[in-house]
Amino acid sequence: MVCMSHLVTLIRKPGCHLCEDAQLVVEKVCADLGVPWEEKDITEDQRLHDEYWEQIPVVLINGKQHTFWRVDEARLRRELTR
């Protein structure tokens, strides 16, 4: 059963191939589970840039860091179905 209180945030930047890969995984898992997701661009938010620029892409679940660089589909799915 999916917890509907989840929100997945993908922190990324333009032209990042790892970000594109991460987005595909996030889109698939969230669509399968009916979980909302959003993306934020570190080039448009100085605070996010300062905090995450060395780690992007970064995936947050409910504002808490879940992973960075590569998104493991099975791990993300497990976390969202807790």
C-alpha atoms as a PDB file:
ATOM      1  CA  MET A   1       0.000   0.000   0.000  1.00  0.00           C
ATOM      2  CA  VAL A   2       1.346   3.407  -0.986  1.00  0.00           C
ATOM      3  CA  CYS A   3       1.524   6.183   1.544  1.00  0.00           C
ATOM      4  CA  MET A   4      -0.170   9.088  -0.214  1.00  0.00           C
ATOM      5  CA  SER A   5       1.685  11.607   1.914  1.00  0.00           C
ATOM      6  CA  HIS A   6       4.893  11.066  -0.060  1.00  0.00           C
ATOM      7  CA  LEU A   7       6.338  13.692  -2.368  1.00  0.00           C
ATOM      8  CA  VAL A   8       9.414  12.886  -4.438  1.00  0.00           C
ATOM      9  CA  THR A   9      11.666  15.778  -5.446  1.00  0.00           C
ATOM     10  CA  LEU A  10      14.308  15.419  -8.133  1.00  0.00           C
ATOM     11  CA  ILE A  11      17.017  18.062  -7.857  1.00  0.00           C
ATOM     12  CA  ARG A  12      18.811  18.450 -11.162  1.00  0.00           C
ATOM     13  CA  LYS A  13      20.405  20.814 -13.656  1.00  0.00           C
ATOM     14  CA  PRO A  14      20.115  21.213 -17.426  1.00  0.00           C
ATOM     15  CA  GLY A  15      22.396  19.121 -19.618  1.00  0.00           C
ATOM     16  CA  CYS A  16      23.080  16.499 -16.944  1.00  0.00           C
ATOM     17  CA  HIS A  17      22.869  12.957 -18.371  1.00  0.00           C
ATOM     18  CA  LEU A  18      22.669  11.397 -14.893  1.00  0.00           C
ATOM     19  CA  CYS A  19      19.749  13.728 -14.162  1.00  0.00           C
ATOM     20  CA  GLU A  20      17.960  12.510 -17.282  1.00  0.00           C
ATOM     21  CA  ASP A  21      18.511   8.892 -16.230  1.00  0.00           C
ATOM     22  CA  ALA A  22      17.263   9.652 -12.719  1.00  0.00           C
ATOM     23  CA  GLN A  23      14.161  11.362 -14.073  1.00  0.00           C
ATOM     24  CA  LEU A  24      13.210   8.274 -16.075  1.00  0.00           C
ATOM     25  CA  VAL A  25      13.358   6.132 -12.937  1.00  0.00           C
ATOM     26  CA  VAL A  26      11.489   8.667 -10.791  1.00  0.00           C
ATOM     27  CA  GLU A  27       8.778   9.118 -13.430  1.00  0.00           C
ATOM     28  CA  LYS A  28       8.285   5.359 -13.807  1.00  0.00           C
ATOM     29  CA  VAL A  29       8.172   4.504 -10.108  1.00  0.00           C
ATOM     30  CA  CYS A  30       5.971   7.458  -9.194  1.00  0.00           C
ATOM     31  CA  ALA A  31       3.571   6.734 -12.060  1.00  0.00           C
ATOM     32  CA  ASP A  32       3.356   3.058 -11.085  1.00  0.00           C
ATOM     33  CA  LEU A  33       2.651   3.940  -7.449  1.00  0.00           C
ATOM     34  CA  GLY A  34       0.579   7.078  -7.906  1.00  0.00           C
ATOM     35  CA  VAL A  35       3.068   9.184  -5.980  1.00  0.00           C
ATOM     36  CA  PRO A  36       3.452  12.875  -6.918  1.00  0.00           C
ATOM     37  CA  TRP A  37       6.865  14.163  -7.878  1.00  0.00           C
ATOM     38  CA  GLU A  38       8.448  17.476  -8.760  1.00  0.00           C
ATOM     39  CA  GLU A  39      11.732  18.653 -10.138  1.00  0.00           C
ATOM     40  CA  LYS A  40      13.878  21.548  -9.040  1.00  0.00           C
ATOM     41  CA  ASP A  41      16.733  23.081 -11.003  1.00  0.00           C
ATOM     42  CA  ILE A  42      19.831  24.007  -8.988  1.00  0.00           C
ATOM     43  CA  THR A  43      20.614  26.767 -11.500  1.00  0.00           C
ATOM     44  CA  GLU A  44      17.422  28.540 -10.412  1.00  0.00           C
ATOM     45  CA  ASP A  45      17.777  28.162  -6.631  1.00  0.00           C
ATOM     46  CA  GLN A  46      20.963  29.305  -4.898  1.00  0.00           C
ATOM     47  CA  ARG A  47      20.217  27.396  -1.678  1.00  0.00           C
ATOM     48  CA  LEU A  48      19.775  24.114  -3.568  1.00  0.00           C
ATOM     49  CA  HIS A  49      22.893  24.848  -5.616  1.00  0.00           C
ATOM     50  CA  ASP A  50      24.977  25.464  -2.497  1.00  0.00           C
ATOM     51  CA  GLU A  51      23.705  22.331  -0.791  1.00  0.00           C
ATOM     52  CA  TYR A  52      23.631  19.797  -3.637  1.00  0.00           C
ATOM     53  CA  TRP A  53      25.813  20.933  -6.570  1.00  0.00           C
ATOM     54  CA  GLU A  54      28.379  18.146  -6.047  1.00  0.00           C
ATOM     55  CA  GLN A  55      25.749  15.414  -5.695  1.00  0.00           C
ATOM     56  CA  ILE A  56      23.202  15.971  -8.457  1.00  0.00           C
ATOM     57  CA  PRO A  57      20.971  14.407  -9.327  1.00  0.00           C
ATOM     58  CA  VAL A  58      19.543  14.174  -5.833  1.00  0.00           C
ATOM     59  CA  VAL A  59      16.248  12.536  -4.917  1.00  0.00           C
ATOM     60  CA  LEU A  60      14.384  13.690  -1.834  1.00  0.00           C
ATOM     61  CA  ILE A  61      11.381  11.962  -0.318  1.00  0.00           C
ATOM     62  CA  ASN A  62       9.276  14.349   1.741  1.00  0.00           C
ATOM     63  CA  GLY A  63      12.227  16.739   1.842  1.00  0.00           C
ATOM     64  CA  LYS A  64      14.702  14.170   3.168  1.00  0.00           C
ATOM     65  CA  GLN A  65      17.576  12.985   0.978  1.00  0.00           C
ATOM     66  CA  HIS A  66      16.968   9.489  -0.358  1.00  0.00           C
ATOM     67  CA  THR A  67      19.840   9.125  -2.836  1.00  0.00           C
ATOM     68  CA  PHE A  68      22.149  10.947  -5.222  1.00  0.00           C
ATOM     69  CA  TRP A  69      23.938  10.358  -8.558  1.00  0.00           C
ATOM     70  CA  ARG A  70      22.159   7.115  -9.487  1.00  0.00           C
ATOM     71  CA  VAL A  71      18.605   6.183  -8.577  1.00  0.00           C
ATOM     72  CA  ASP A  72      17.965   2.521  -7.810  1.00  0.00           C
ATOM     73  CA  GLU A  73      14.438   1.718  -8.957  1.00  0.00           C
ATOM     74  CA  ALA A  74      13.868  -1.128  -6.483  1.00  0.00           C
ATOM     75  CA  ARG A  75      15.150   0.913  -3.538  1.00  0.00           C
ATOM     76  CA  LEU A  76      12.986   3.919  -4.435  1.00  0.00           C
ATOM     77  CA  ARG A  77       9.948   1.680  -4.867  1.00  0.00           C
ATOM     78  CA  ARG A  78      10.556   0.038  -1.466  1.00  0.00           C
ATOM     79  CA  GLU A  79      10.872   3.366   0.278  1.00  0.00           C
ATOM     80  CA  LEU A  80       7.661   4.683  -1.277  1.00  0.00           C
ATOM     81  CA  THR A  81       5.652   1.609  -0.313  1.00  0.00           C
ATOM     82  CA  ARG A  82       6.580   1.639   3.374  1.00  0.00           C
END
